[in-house]
Amino acid sequence: MSTPSDSPSSAASSSPTPSRTTAPIVVPILSQNFVASSPSPHITPIIIDPLGDLTLLVGADHTDDAPVRIQVSSGALRRASPVFHAMLFGGWRKSRPADGSDWVVDLPDDRALAMQIMLGAAHARFEFVPAEIVREAEFGVASAVLVAAENYCMMGVLVPFADAWVGTLSGAWRRWGGREVVQRGACSVAVWGGEGDVLCFPDGRVRDGEGRGG
């Protein structure tokens, strides 16, 4: 009478083969020269909120940075930005799908790196907001963050960085151009910082109530 084989080779052949999965990448962005590998050669996943209920597809129409998928909390954006509040909860086409499918919003016109930094600040994920953003080599990134913050009415999330940024931004237009954006951005960040009176002069100087500044 034959008996079932219990040899190692038989057991191995009957064991299910583990499936291979690819976990999302969680990457703080520290430079505009950031390069990372991902499951997709075209869209890099960035996890700002691991429990986030919303995915933003950012930067498809930009050539400055590669487009990214950013996982965020819709509640955090709702609290930080009246623009996102209206966009996500105002009954627009970008509101949460009624059928329960994944909530994905396409923002092709925004610059990916600037949005990562601003959204990181909005979620108190400060590892996404490098202090060295105001260095000369990365001034273009700082300018792009200010543009994004102004577009989404989110200057308030930059308050923790006001002291580090305002001094650099107040005179930066003389060296790199973009005077109106930089001047307006420096004033906005300074005002949101709430450190007394802020005077913004037509030539781009920003001074506090005691005459200090750039």
Protein backbone atom coordinates (compact mmCIF):
# COMPACT_ATOMS: atom_id res chain seq x y z
CA MET A 1 0.00 0.00 0.00
CA SER A 2 1.43 3.37 -0.95
CA THR A 3 1.70 6.17 1.59
CA PRO A 4 1.75 9.96 0.99
CA SER A 5 5.24 11.30 0.50
CA ASP A 6 6.51 13.59 3.23
CA SER A 7 9.82 14.37 1.61
CA PRO A 8 11.13 17.99 1.74
CA SER A 9 10.83 18.32 -2.02
CA SER A 10 7.17 17.31 -1.92
CA ALA A 11 6.38 19.76 0.89
CA ALA A 12 8.16 22.58 -0.89
CA SER A 13 6.30 21.97 -4.12
CA SER A 14 2.94 22.10 -2.36
CA SER A 15 3.65 25.32 -0.45
CA PRO A 16 2.11 28.48 -1.91
CA THR A 17 4.54 30.93 -3.43
CA PRO A 18 4.56 34.24 -1.50
CA SER A 19 3.33 37.13 -3.58
CA ARG A 20 5.66 40.05 -4.07
CA THR A 21 4.30 43.48 -3.15
CA THR A 22 5.84 46.89 -3.50
CA ALA A 23 5.42 49.28 -0.58
CA PRO A 24 4.95 53.02 -1.19
CA ILE A 25 8.01 55.21 -0.76
CA VAL A 26 8.10 57.70 2.11
CA VAL A 27 10.72 60.30 1.22
CA PRO A 28 11.41 63.71 2.75
CA ILE A 29 12.46 66.08 -0.04
CA LEU A 30 15.66 67.94 0.81
CA SER A 31 16.77 69.31 -2.53
CA GLN A 32 15.41 70.35 -5.88
CA ASN A 33 17.87 67.79 -7.28
CA PHE A 34 16.00 64.98 -5.49
CA VAL A 35 15.94 61.68 -7.38
CA ALA A 36 14.21 58.52 -6.11
CA SER A 37 13.24 55.17 -7.50
CA SER A 38 9.62 54.06 -7.34
CA PRO A 39 7.33 51.33 -8.65
CA SER A 40 6.39 53.66 -11.50
CA PRO A 41 9.09 55.21 -13.70
CA HIS A 42 6.94 58.31 -14.15
CA ILE A 43 5.05 59.03 -10.90
CA THR A 44 6.83 59.05 -7.53
CA PRO A 45 4.58 58.34 -4.51
CA ILE A 46 5.15 60.70 -1.57
CA ILE A 47 3.46 59.80 1.71
CA ILE A 48 2.94 62.91 3.82
CA ASP A 49 0.09 61.35 5.83
CA PRO A 50 0.17 57.53 5.92
CA LEU A 51 -3.51 57.57 6.98
CA GLY A 52 -4.45 60.22 4.43
CA ASP A 53 -7.69 59.83 2.51
CA LEU A 54 -6.69 61.94 -0.51
CA THR A 55 -4.10 61.58 -3.26
CA LEU A 56 -2.92 64.62 -5.21
CA LEU A 57 -1.38 64.12 -8.65
CA VAL A 58 0.93 67.11 -8.91
CA GLY A 59 3.04 68.61 -11.65
CA ALA A 60 2.14 66.67 -14.80
CA ASP A 61 2.46 69.83 -16.91
CA HIS A 62 5.71 71.05 -15.29
CA THR A 63 9.24 70.36 -16.49
CA ASP A 64 11.07 71.69 -13.39
CA ASP A 65 10.30 68.60 -11.27
CA ALA A 66 9.07 65.09 -11.98
CA PRO A 67 5.33 64.65 -11.28
CA VAL A 68 4.41 63.03 -7.97
CA ARG A 69 1.52 61.35 -6.17
CA ILE A 70 1.15 62.93 -2.72
CA GLN A 71 -0.94 61.19 -0.06
CA VAL A 72 -2.43 63.76 2.32
CA SER A 73 -5.26 64.33 4.77
CA SER A 74 -8.22 66.18 3.28
CA GLY A 75 -9.02 67.46 6.76
CA ALA A 76 -5.59 69.03 7.14
CA LEU A 77 -5.94 70.80 3.79
CA ARG A 78 -9.46 71.90 4.65
CA ARG A 79 -8.24 73.56 7.85
CA ALA A 80 -5.15 75.14 6.28
CA SER A 81 -6.60 76.48 3.04
CA PRO A 82 -9.94 78.06 2.11
CA VAL A 83 -9.12 77.21 -1.50
CA PHE A 84 -8.75 73.49 -0.75
CA HIS A 85 -11.83 73.70 1.48
CA ALA A 86 -13.92 74.93 -1.43
CA MET A 87 -12.28 72.61 -3.94
CA LEU A 88 -12.64 69.43 -1.90
CA PHE A 89 -15.84 70.06 0.06
CA GLY A 90 -17.76 72.57 -2.02
CA GLY A 91 -19.56 70.10 -4.26
CA TRP A 92 -17.11 70.58 -7.12
CA ARG A 93 -15.92 67.89 -9.49
CA LYS A 94 -12.90 67.34 -7.22
CA SER A 95 -14.99 66.43 -4.17
CA ARG A 96 -14.86 62.95 -2.63
CA PRO A 97 -16.32 60.31 -5.02
CA ALA A 98 -19.81 59.24 -3.97
CA ASP A 99 -19.17 55.64 -5.04
CA GLY A 100 -16.42 55.14 -2.45
CA SER A 101 -13.61 54.84 -4.98
CA ASP A 102 -10.14 56.29 -4.34
CA TRP A 103 -10.15 60.05 -3.96
CA VAL A 104 -7.64 61.41 -6.46
CA VAL A 105 -7.31 65.06 -7.48
CA ASP A 106 -5.17 66.17 -10.42
CA LEU A 107 -3.17 69.40 -10.02
CA PRO A 108 -1.11 69.45 -13.22
CA ASP A 109 -0.24 73.15 -13.13
CA ASP A 110 1.46 73.13 -9.73
CA ARG A 111 5.16 72.57 -9.21
CA ALA A 112 5.67 69.22 -7.46
CA LEU A 113 8.56 70.11 -5.15
CA ALA A 114 6.97 73.35 -3.97
CA MET A 115 3.70 71.55 -3.21
CA GLN A 116 5.51 68.82 -1.27
CA ILE A 117 7.14 71.44 0.93
CA MET A 118 3.96 73.44 1.49
CA LEU A 119 1.81 70.36 2.15
CA GLY A 120 4.45 69.00 4.50
CA ALA A 121 4.25 72.23 6.50
CA ALA A 122 0.44 72.02 6.55
CA HIS A 123 0.66 68.54 8.09
CA ALA A 124 3.42 69.52 10.58
CA ARG A 125 5.76 67.14 8.75
CA PHE A 126 8.70 69.51 8.98
CA GLU A 127 11.18 67.04 7.54
CA PHE A 128 9.61 68.01 4.20
CA VAL A 129 10.50 71.69 4.80
CA PRO A 130 14.30 72.01 4.67
CA ALA A 131 15.77 75.20 6.12
CA GLU A 132 18.36 75.28 3.33
CA ILE A 133 15.61 76.10 0.84
CA VAL A 134 16.59 79.77 1.14
CA ARG A 135 20.16 79.24 0.00
CA GLU A 136 21.12 80.87 -3.28
CA ALA A 137 21.28 77.53 -5.10
CA GLU A 138 17.68 76.75 -4.19
CA PHE A 139 16.11 80.18 -4.26
CA GLY A 140 13.91 79.15 -7.18
CA VAL A 141 12.32 76.54 -4.93
CA ALA A 142 11.64 79.08 -2.18
CA SER A 143 10.01 81.38 -4.73
CA ALA A 144 7.86 78.51 -6.03
CA VAL A 145 6.73 77.68 -2.48
CA LEU A 146 5.62 81.28 -1.98
CA VAL A 147 3.69 81.21 -5.25
CA ALA A 148 1.95 77.98 -4.22
CA ALA A 149 1.18 79.33 -0.74
CA GLU A 150 -0.31 82.47 -2.23
CA ASN A 151 -2.37 80.55 -4.78
CA TYR A 152 -3.90 78.32 -2.10
CA CYS A 153 -4.10 81.03 0.62
CA MET A 154 -1.72 79.01 2.80
CA MET A 155 0.85 81.61 3.88
CA GLY A 156 -0.11 80.77 7.46
CA VAL A 157 1.56 77.35 7.30
CA LEU A 158 4.90 79.07 6.64
CA VAL A 159 4.84 80.99 9.94
CA PRO A 160 7.30 78.62 11.68
CA PHE A 161 9.85 79.47 8.99
CA ALA A 162 9.25 83.23 8.83
CA ASP A 163 12.35 84.22 10.80
CA ALA A 164 14.59 82.05 8.64
CA TRP A 165 13.03 83.12 5.34
CA VAL A 166 12.16 86.81 5.54
CA GLY A 167 15.71 88.11 5.84
CA THR A 168 16.77 86.21 2.74
CA LEU A 169 13.66 86.96 0.70
CA SER A 170 13.59 90.69 1.44
CA GLY A 171 16.61 91.43 -0.75
CA ALA A 172 16.74 88.35 -2.94
CA TRP A 173 14.99 89.91 -5.92
CA ARG A 174 18.04 92.14 -6.51
CA ARG A 175 20.15 89.05 -7.21
CA TRP A 176 17.73 86.58 -8.80
CA GLY A 177 14.83 88.62 -10.16
CA GLY A 178 11.16 87.90 -9.57
CA ARG A 179 10.87 91.11 -7.57
CA GLU A 180 7.09 91.27 -7.27
CA VAL A 181 6.65 87.65 -6.20
CA VAL A 182 9.50 87.77 -3.70
CA GLN A 183 8.53 91.14 -2.26
CA ARG A 184 4.90 90.16 -1.87
CA GLY A 185 5.87 86.78 -0.45
CA ALA A 186 8.32 88.22 2.05
CA CYS A 187 5.71 90.69 3.25
CA SER A 188 3.06 87.99 3.52
CA VAL A 189 5.28 85.65 5.52
CA ALA A 190 6.35 88.50 7.80
CA VAL A 191 2.77 89.64 8.40
CA TRP A 192 1.62 86.08 9.12
CA GLY A 193 4.50 85.77 11.58
CA GLY A 194 2.74 88.27 13.80
CA GLU A 195 5.90 89.83 15.22
CA GLY A 196 4.67 93.42 15.46
CA ASP A 197 4.35 95.88 12.59
CA VAL A 198 5.90 95.05 9.24
CA LEU A 199 6.72 97.74 6.67
CA CYS A 200 7.07 96.69 3.02
CA PHE A 201 8.71 99.30 0.81
CA PRO A 202 8.34 99.64 -3.00
CA ASP A 203 12.04 98.89 -3.50
CA GLY A 204 11.62 95.47 -1.88
CA ARG A 205 12.87 96.29 1.62
CA VAL A 206 11.04 94.70 4.55
CA ARG A 207 11.44 96.27 7.99
CA ASP A 208 9.81 95.71 11.34
CA GLY A 209 8.34 98.43 13.55
CA GLU A 210 11.78 99.27 14.96
CA GLY A 211 13.35 99.79 11.55
CA ARG A 212 15.18 96.47 11.40
CA GLY A 213 15.20 94.37 8.27
CA GLY A 214 16.57 94.04 4.78
